[in-house]
PDB file of all heavy atoms in Angstrom:
ATOM      1  N   ASN A   1       0.919  -1.129   0.004  1.00  0.00           N
ATOM      2  CA  ASN A   1      -0.046   0.011   0.000  1.00  0.00           C
ATOM      3  C   ASN A   1       0.901   1.245   0.005  1.00  0.00           C
ATOM      4  O   ASN A   1       2.070   1.213   0.349  1.00  0.00           O
ATOM      5  CB  ASN A   1      -0.883   0.090   1.162  1.00  0.00           C
ATOM      6  CG  ASN A   1      -1.877  -1.111   1.248  1.00  0.00           C
ATOM      7  OD1 ASN A   1      -2.363  -1.575   0.218  1.00  0.00           O
ATOM      8  ND2 ASN A   1      -2.219  -1.646   2.414  1.00  0.00           N
ATOM      9  N   MET A   2       0.236   2.286  -0.396  1.00  0.00           N
ATOM     10  CA  MET A   2       0.966   3.661  -0.410  1.00  0.00           C
ATOM     11  C   MET A   2       2.353   3.555  -1.122  1.00  0.00           C
ATOM     12  O   MET A   2       3.362   3.905  -0.666  1.00  0.00           O
ATOM     13  CB  MET A   2       1.111   4.206   1.092  1.00  0.00           C
ATOM     14  CG  MET A   2      -0.136   4.470   1.783  1.00  0.00           C
ATOM     15  SD  MET A   2      -1.156   5.758   0.967  1.00  0.00           S
ATOM     16  CE  MET A   2      -0.142   7.181   1.055  1.00  0.00           C
ATOM     17  N   LEU A   3       2.222   2.975  -2.364  1.00  0.00           N
ATOM     18  CA  LEU A   3       3.514   2.785  -3.049  1.00  0.00           C
ATOM     19  C   LEU A   3       4.087   4.068  -3.475  1.00  0.00           C
ATOM     20  O   LEU A   3       3.390   5.048  -3.741  1.00  0.00           O
ATOM     21  CB  LEU A   3       3.166   1.885  -4.343  1.00  0.00           C
ATOM     22  CG  LEU A   3       3.042   0.374  -3.924  1.00  0.00           C
ATOM     23  CD1 LEU A   3       2.216  -0.299  -5.135  1.00  0.00           C
ATOM     24  CD2 LEU A   3       4.383  -0.319  -3.732  1.00  0.00           C
ATOM     25  N   LYS A   4       5.490   4.127  -3.575  1.00  0.00           N
ATOM     26  CA  LYS A   4       6.279   5.172  -3.880  1.00  0.00           C
ATOM     27  C   LYS A   4       7.118   4.864  -5.160  1.00  0.00           C
ATOM     28  O   LYS A   4       7.436   3.707  -5.390  1.00  0.00           O
ATOM     29  CB  LYS A   4       7.164   5.581  -2.775  1.00  0.00           C
ATOM     30  CG  LYS A   4       6.476   5.760  -1.386  1.00  0.00           C
ATOM     31  CD  LYS A   4       7.525   6.153  -0.246  1.00  0.00           C
ATOM     32  CE  LYS A   4       6.832   6.304   1.080  1.00  0.00           C
ATOM     33  NZ  LYS A   4       7.830   6.597   2.137  1.00  0.00           N
ATOM     34  N   PRO A   5       7.521   5.885  -5.891  1.00  0.00           N
ATOM     35  CA  PRO A   5       8.383   5.603  -7.067  1.00  0.00           C
ATOM     36  C   PRO A   5       9.628   4.764  -6.690  1.00  0.00           C
ATOM     37  O   PRO A   5      10.151   3.984  -7.511  1.00  0.00           O
ATOM     38  CB  PRO A   5       8.763   6.995  -7.511  1.00  0.00           C
ATOM     39  CG  PRO A   5       7.592   7.867  -7.208  1.00  0.00           C
ATOM     40  CD  PRO A   5       7.076   7.394  -5.885  1.00  0.00           C
ATOM     41  N   GLU A   6      10.152   5.025  -5.523  1.00  0.00           N
ATOM     42  CA  GLU A   6      11.367   4.324  -5.054  1.00  0.00           C
ATOM     43  C   GLU A   6      11.071   2.824  -4.770  1.00  0.00           C
ATOM     44  O   GLU A   6      12.097   2.082  -4.565  1.00  0.00           O
ATOM     45  CB  GLU A   6      12.063   4.936  -3.836  1.00  0.00           C
ATOM     46  CG  GLU A   6      11.006   5.230  -2.689  1.00  0.00           C
ATOM     47  CD  GLU A   6      10.572   6.606  -2.668  1.00  0.00           C
ATOM     48  OE1 GLU A   6      10.237   7.225  -3.783  1.00  0.00           O
ATOM     49  OE2 GLU A   6      10.564   7.244  -1.628  1.00  0.00           O
ATOM     50  N   ASP A   7       9.857   2.471  -4.739  1.00  0.00           N
ATOM     51  CA  ASP A   7       9.613   1.026  -4.637  1.00  0.00           C
ATOM     52  C   ASP A   7       9.705   0.286  -5.974  1.00  0.00           C
ATOM     53  O   ASP A   7       9.592  -1.041  -6.054  1.00  0.00           O
ATOM     54  CB  ASP A   7       8.142   0.799  -4.164  1.00  0.00           C
ATOM     55  CG  ASP A   7       7.838   1.295  -2.737  1.00  0.00           C
ATOM     56  OD1 ASP A   7       8.742   1.064  -1.887  1.00  0.00           O
ATOM     57  OD2 ASP A   7       6.876   1.922  -2.508  1.00  0.00           O
ATOM     58  N   THR A   8       9.901   1.059  -7.099  1.00  0.00           N
ATOM     59  CA  THR A   8      10.100   0.265  -8.300  1.00  0.00           C
ATOM     60  C   THR A   8      11.293  -0.648  -8.355  1.00  0.00           C
ATOM     61  O   THR A   8      12.418  -0.231  -7.940  1.00  0.00           O
ATOM     62  CB  THR A   8      10.292   1.454  -9.455  1.00  0.00           C
ATOM     63  OG1 THR A   8       9.092   2.216  -9.582  1.00  0.00           O
ATOM     64  CG2 THR A   8      10.520   0.776 -10.848  1.00  0.00           C
ATOM     65  N   ALA A   9      11.015  -1.778  -8.668  1.00  0.00           N
ATOM     66  CA  ALA A   9      12.014  -2.851  -8.726  1.00  0.00           C
ATOM     67  C   ALA A   9      11.434  -4.154  -9.186  1.00  0.00           C
ATOM     68  O   ALA A   9      10.317  -4.294  -9.402  1.00  0.00           O
ATOM     69  CB  ALA A   9      12.473  -3.184  -7.243  1.00  0.00           C
ATOM     70  N   ILE A  10      12.265  -5.175  -9.432  1.00  0.00           N
ATOM     71  CA  ILE A  10      11.876  -6.493  -9.665  1.00  0.00           C
ATOM     72  C   ILE A  10      11.762  -7.277  -8.221  1.00  0.00           C
ATOM     73  O   ILE A  10      12.708  -7.162  -7.420  1.00  0.00           O
ATOM     74  CB  ILE A  10      12.832  -7.351 -10.490  1.00  0.00           C
ATOM     75  CG1 ILE A  10      13.026  -6.684 -11.859  1.00  0.00           C
ATOM     76  CG2 ILE A  10      12.381  -8.736 -10.660  1.00  0.00           C
ATOM     77  CD1 ILE A  10      14.080  -7.377 -12.727  1.00  0.00           C
ATOM     78  N   TYR A  11      10.532  -7.820  -7.966  1.00  0.00           N
ATOM     79  CA  TYR A  11      10.293  -8.482  -6.596  1.00  0.00           C
ATOM     80  C   TYR A  11      10.375  -9.852  -6.775  1.00  0.00           C
ATOM     81  O   TYR A  11       9.857 -10.502  -7.893  1.00  0.00           O
ATOM     82  CB  TYR A  11       8.882  -7.925  -6.192  1.00  0.00           C
ATOM     83  CG  TYR A  11       8.948  -6.565  -5.601  1.00  0.00           C
ATOM     84  CD1 TYR A  11       9.101  -5.507  -6.496  1.00  0.00           C
ATOM     85  CD2 TYR A  11       8.821  -6.378  -4.300  1.00  0.00           C
ATOM     86  CE1 TYR A  11       9.030  -4.160  -6.023  1.00  0.00           C
ATOM     87  CE2 TYR A  11       8.786  -5.045  -3.733  1.00  0.00           C
ATOM     88  CZ  TYR A  11       8.953  -3.969  -4.579  1.00  0.00           C
ATOM     89  OH  TYR A  11       8.874  -2.654  -4.072  1.00  0.00           O
ATOM     90  N   TYR A  12      10.939 -10.568  -5.868  1.00  0.00           N
ATOM     91  CA  TYR A  12      11.102 -12.027  -5.864  1.00  0.00           C
ATOM     92  C   TYR A  12      10.653 -12.544  -4.546  1.00  0.00           C
ATOM     93  O   TYR A  12      10.772 -12.014  -3.386  1.00  0.00           O
ATOM     94  CB  TYR A  12      12.630 -12.413  -5.947  1.00  0.00           C
ATOM     95  CG  TYR A  12      13.329 -11.861  -7.158  1.00  0.00           C
ATOM     96  CD1 TYR A  12      13.982 -10.719  -7.212  1.00  0.00           C
ATOM     97  CD2 TYR A  12      13.450 -12.750  -8.353  1.00  0.00           C
ATOM     98  CE1 TYR A  12      14.587 -10.180  -8.263  1.00  0.00           C
ATOM     99  CE2 TYR A  12      14.107 -12.328  -9.432  1.00  0.00           C
ATOM    100  CZ  TYR A  12      14.609 -10.936  -9.429  1.00  0.00           C
ATOM    101  OH  TYR A  12      15.402 -10.601 -10.524  1.00  0.00           O
ATOM    102  N   CYS A  13       9.964 -13.692  -4.560  1.00  0.00           N
ATOM    103  CA  CYS A  13       9.678 -14.465  -3.419  1.00  0.00           C
ATOM    104  C   CYS A  13      10.643 -15.609  -3.249  1.00  0.00           C
ATOM    105  O   CYS A  13      11.269 -16.084  -4.278  1.00  0.00           O
ATOM    106  CB  CYS A  13       8.239 -15.018  -3.381  1.00  0.00           C
ATOM    107  SG  CYS A  13       7.853 -16.380  -4.528  1.00  0.00           S
ATOM    108  N   ALA A  14      10.914 -16.115  -2.053  1.00  0.00           N
ATOM    109  CA  ALA A  14      11.913 -17.039  -1.753  1.00  0.00           C
ATOM    110  C   ALA A  14      11.562 -17.869  -0.614  1.00  0.00           C
ATOM    111  O   ALA A  14      10.599 -17.487   0.180  1.00  0.00           O
ATOM    112  CB  ALA A  14      13.326 -16.461  -1.537  1.00  0.00           C
ATOM    113  N   ALA A  15      12.167 -19.070  -0.436  1.00  0.00           N
ATOM    114  CA  ALA A  15      11.852 -19.913   0.660  1.00  0.00           C
ATOM    115  C   ALA A  15      13.177 -20.531   1.268  1.00  0.00           C
ATOM    116  O   ALA A  15      14.180 -20.608   0.533  1.00  0.00           O
ATOM    117  CB  ALA A  15      10.916 -21.070   0.180  1.00  0.00           C
ATOM    118  N   THR A  16      13.138 -20.848   2.599  1.00  0.00           N
ATOM    119  CA  THR A  16      14.236 -21.403   3.220  1.00  0.00           C
ATOM    120  C   THR A  16      13.846 -22.549   4.021  1.00  0.00           C
ATOM    121  O   THR A  16      12.729 -22.621   4.552  1.00  0.00           O
ATOM    122  CB  THR A  16      15.010 -20.429   4.066  1.00  0.00           C
ATOM    123  OG1 THR A  16      16.059 -21.040   4.765  1.00  0.00           O
ATOM    124  CG2 THR A  16      14.000 -19.839   5.118  1.00  0.00           C
ATOM    125  N   TYR A  17      14.773 -23.630   4.067  1.00  0.00           N
ATOM    126  CA  TYR A  17      14.366 -24.730   4.982  1.00  0.00           C
ATOM    127  C   TYR A  17      14.991 -24.433   6.313  1.00  0.00           C
ATOM    128  O   TYR A  17      14.797 -25.323   7.301  1.00  0.00           O
ATOM    129  CB  TYR A  17      15.093 -26.015   4.354  1.00  0.00           C
ATOM    130  CG  TYR A  17      14.518 -26.636   3.048  1.00  0.00           C
ATOM    131  CD1 TYR A  17      15.092 -27.627   2.453  1.00  0.00           C
ATOM    132  CD2 TYR A  17      13.333 -25.975   2.600  1.00  0.00           C
ATOM    133  CE1 TYR A  17      14.471 -28.137   1.239  1.00  0.00           C
ATOM    134  CE2 TYR A  17      12.685 -26.536   1.535  1.00  0.00           C
ATOM    135  CZ  TYR A  17      13.341 -27.627   0.798  1.00  0.00           C
ATOM    136  OH  TYR A  17      12.748 -28.088  -0.416  1.00  0.00           O
ATOM    137  N   ASP A  18      15.800 -23.363   6.658  1.00  0.00           N
ATOM    138  CA  ASP A  18      16.403 -23.272   7.892  1.00  0.00           C
ATOM    139  C   ASP A  18      15.378 -23.063   9.004  1.00  0.00           C
ATOM    140  O   ASP A  18      14.326 -22.383   8.774  1.00  0.00           O
ATOM    141  CB  ASP A  18      17.236 -21.850   7.794  1.00  0.00           C
ATOM    142  CG  ASP A  18      18.522 -22.107   6.966  1.00  0.00           C
ATOM    143  OD1 ASP A  18      18.774 -23.159   6.557  1.00  0.00           O
ATOM    144  OD2 ASP A  18      19.124 -21.066   6.737  1.00  0.00           O
ATOM    145  N   ASP A  19      15.633 -23.630  10.262  1.00  0.00           N
ATOM    146  CA  ASP A  19      14.682 -23.507  11.292  1.00  0.00           C
ATOM    147  C   ASP A  19      14.406 -22.074  11.812  1.00  0.00           C
ATOM    148  O   ASP A  19      13.351 -21.690  12.186  1.00  0.00           O
ATOM    149  CB  ASP A  19      15.332 -24.249  12.547  1.00  0.00           C
ATOM    150  CG  ASP A  19      15.204 -25.806  12.315  1.00  0.00           C
ATOM    151  OD1 ASP A  19      14.399 -26.325  11.427  1.00  0.00           O
ATOM    152  OD2 ASP A  19      15.795 -26.522  13.179  1.00  0.00           O
ATOM    153  N   TYR A  20      15.455 -21.215  11.703  1.00  0.00           N
ATOM    154  CA  TYR A  20      15.320 -19.770  12.072  1.00  0.00           C
ATOM    155  C   TYR A  20      15.564 -18.911  10.846  1.00  0.00           C
ATOM    156  O   TYR A  20      16.431 -18.158  10.711  1.00  0.00           O
ATOM    157  CB  TYR A  20      16.315 -19.518  13.207  1.00  0.00           C
ATOM    158  CG  TYR A  20      16.171 -20.269  14.455  1.00  0.00           C
ATOM    159  CD1 TYR A  20      16.893 -21.390  14.691  1.00  0.00           C
ATOM    160  CD2 TYR A  20      15.222 -19.959  15.343  1.00  0.00           C
ATOM    161  CE1 TYR A  20      16.676 -22.238  15.870  1.00  0.00           C
ATOM    162  CE2 TYR A  20      15.011 -20.701  16.445  1.00  0.00           C
ATOM    163  CZ  TYR A  20      15.710 -21.734  16.748  1.00  0.00           C
ATOM    164  OH  TYR A  20      15.448 -22.535  17.900  1.00  0.00           O
ATOM    165  N   GLY A  21      14.668 -19.185   9.864  1.00  0.00           N
ATOM    166  CA  GLY A  21      14.902 -18.631   8.485  1.00  0.00           C
ATOM    167  C   GLY A  21      14.330 -17.162   8.344  1.00  0.00           C
ATOM    168  O   GLY A  21      14.600 -16.597   7.260  1.00  0.00           O
ATOM    169  N   CYS A  22      13.837 -16.608   9.341  1.00  0.00           N
ATOM    170  CA  CYS A  22      13.378 -15.171   9.278  1.00  0.00           C
ATOM    171  C   CYS A  22      13.819 -14.439  10.483  1.00  0.00           C
ATOM    172  O   CYS A  22      13.573 -14.723  11.641  1.00  0.00           O
ATOM    173  CB  CYS A  22      11.758 -15.184   9.196  1.00  0.00           C
ATOM    174  SG  CYS A  22      11.101 -13.506   9.135  1.00  0.00           S
ATOM    175  N   PRO A  23      14.746 -13.423  10.271  1.00  0.00           N
ATOM    176  CA  PRO A  23      15.109 -12.821   8.966  1.00  0.00           C
ATOM    177  C   PRO A  23      16.443 -13.420   8.391  1.00  0.00           C
ATOM    178  O   PRO A  23      16.912 -12.916   7.348  1.00  0.00           O
ATOM    179  CB  PRO A  23      15.278 -11.390   9.300  1.00  0.00           C
ATOM    180  CG  PRO A  23      15.766 -11.243  10.706  1.00  0.00           C
ATOM    181  CD  PRO A  23      15.186 -12.546  11.382  1.00  0.00           C
ATOM    182  N   ASP A  24      17.105 -14.330   9.030  1.00  0.00           N
ATOM    183  CA  ASP A  24      18.489 -14.604   8.768  1.00  0.00           C
ATOM    184  C   ASP A  24      18.717 -15.848   8.054  1.00  0.00           C
ATOM    185  O   ASP A  24      19.777 -16.453   8.086  1.00  0.00           O
ATOM    186  CB  ASP A  24      19.363 -14.524  10.098  1.00  0.00           C
ATOM    187  CG  ASP A  24      19.353 -13.154  10.686  1.00  0.00           C
ATOM    188  OD1 ASP A  24      19.349 -12.158   9.988  1.00  0.00           O
ATOM    189  OD2 ASP A  24      19.297 -13.139  11.951  1.00  0.00           O
ATOM    190  N   GLY A  25      17.674 -16.454   7.456  1.00  0.00           N
ATOM    191  CA  GLY A  25      17.838 -17.787   6.845  1.00  0.00           C
ATOM    192  C   GLY A  25      18.521 -17.662   5.564  1.00  0.00           C
ATOM    193  O   GLY A  25      18.683 -16.607   4.881  1.00  0.00           O
ATOM    194  N   GLU A  26      19.087 -18.787   5.063  1.00  0.00           N
ATOM    195  CA  GLU A  26      19.661 -18.903   3.708  1.00  0.00           C
ATOM    196  C   GLU A  26      18.536 -19.297   2.769  1.00  0.00           C
ATOM    197  O   GLU A  26      17.948 -20.386   2.789  1.00  0.00           O
ATOM    198  CB  GLU A  26      20.716 -20.017   3.723  1.00  0.00           C
ATOM    199  CG  GLU A  26      21.424 -20.182   2.340  1.00  0.00           C
ATOM    200  CD  GLU A  26      22.527 -21.192   2.380  1.00  0.00           C
ATOM    201  OE1 GLU A  26      22.702 -21.821   3.439  1.00  0.00           O
ATOM    202  OE2 GLU A  26      23.198 -21.385   1.338  1.00  0.00           O
TER     203      GLU A  26
END
């Protein structure tokens, strides 16, 4: 919401199997 021009980018989703994967997972 409330998107700004500086939000312009390619966005990727990703997944990790690490037990403590958020925010420091591989």
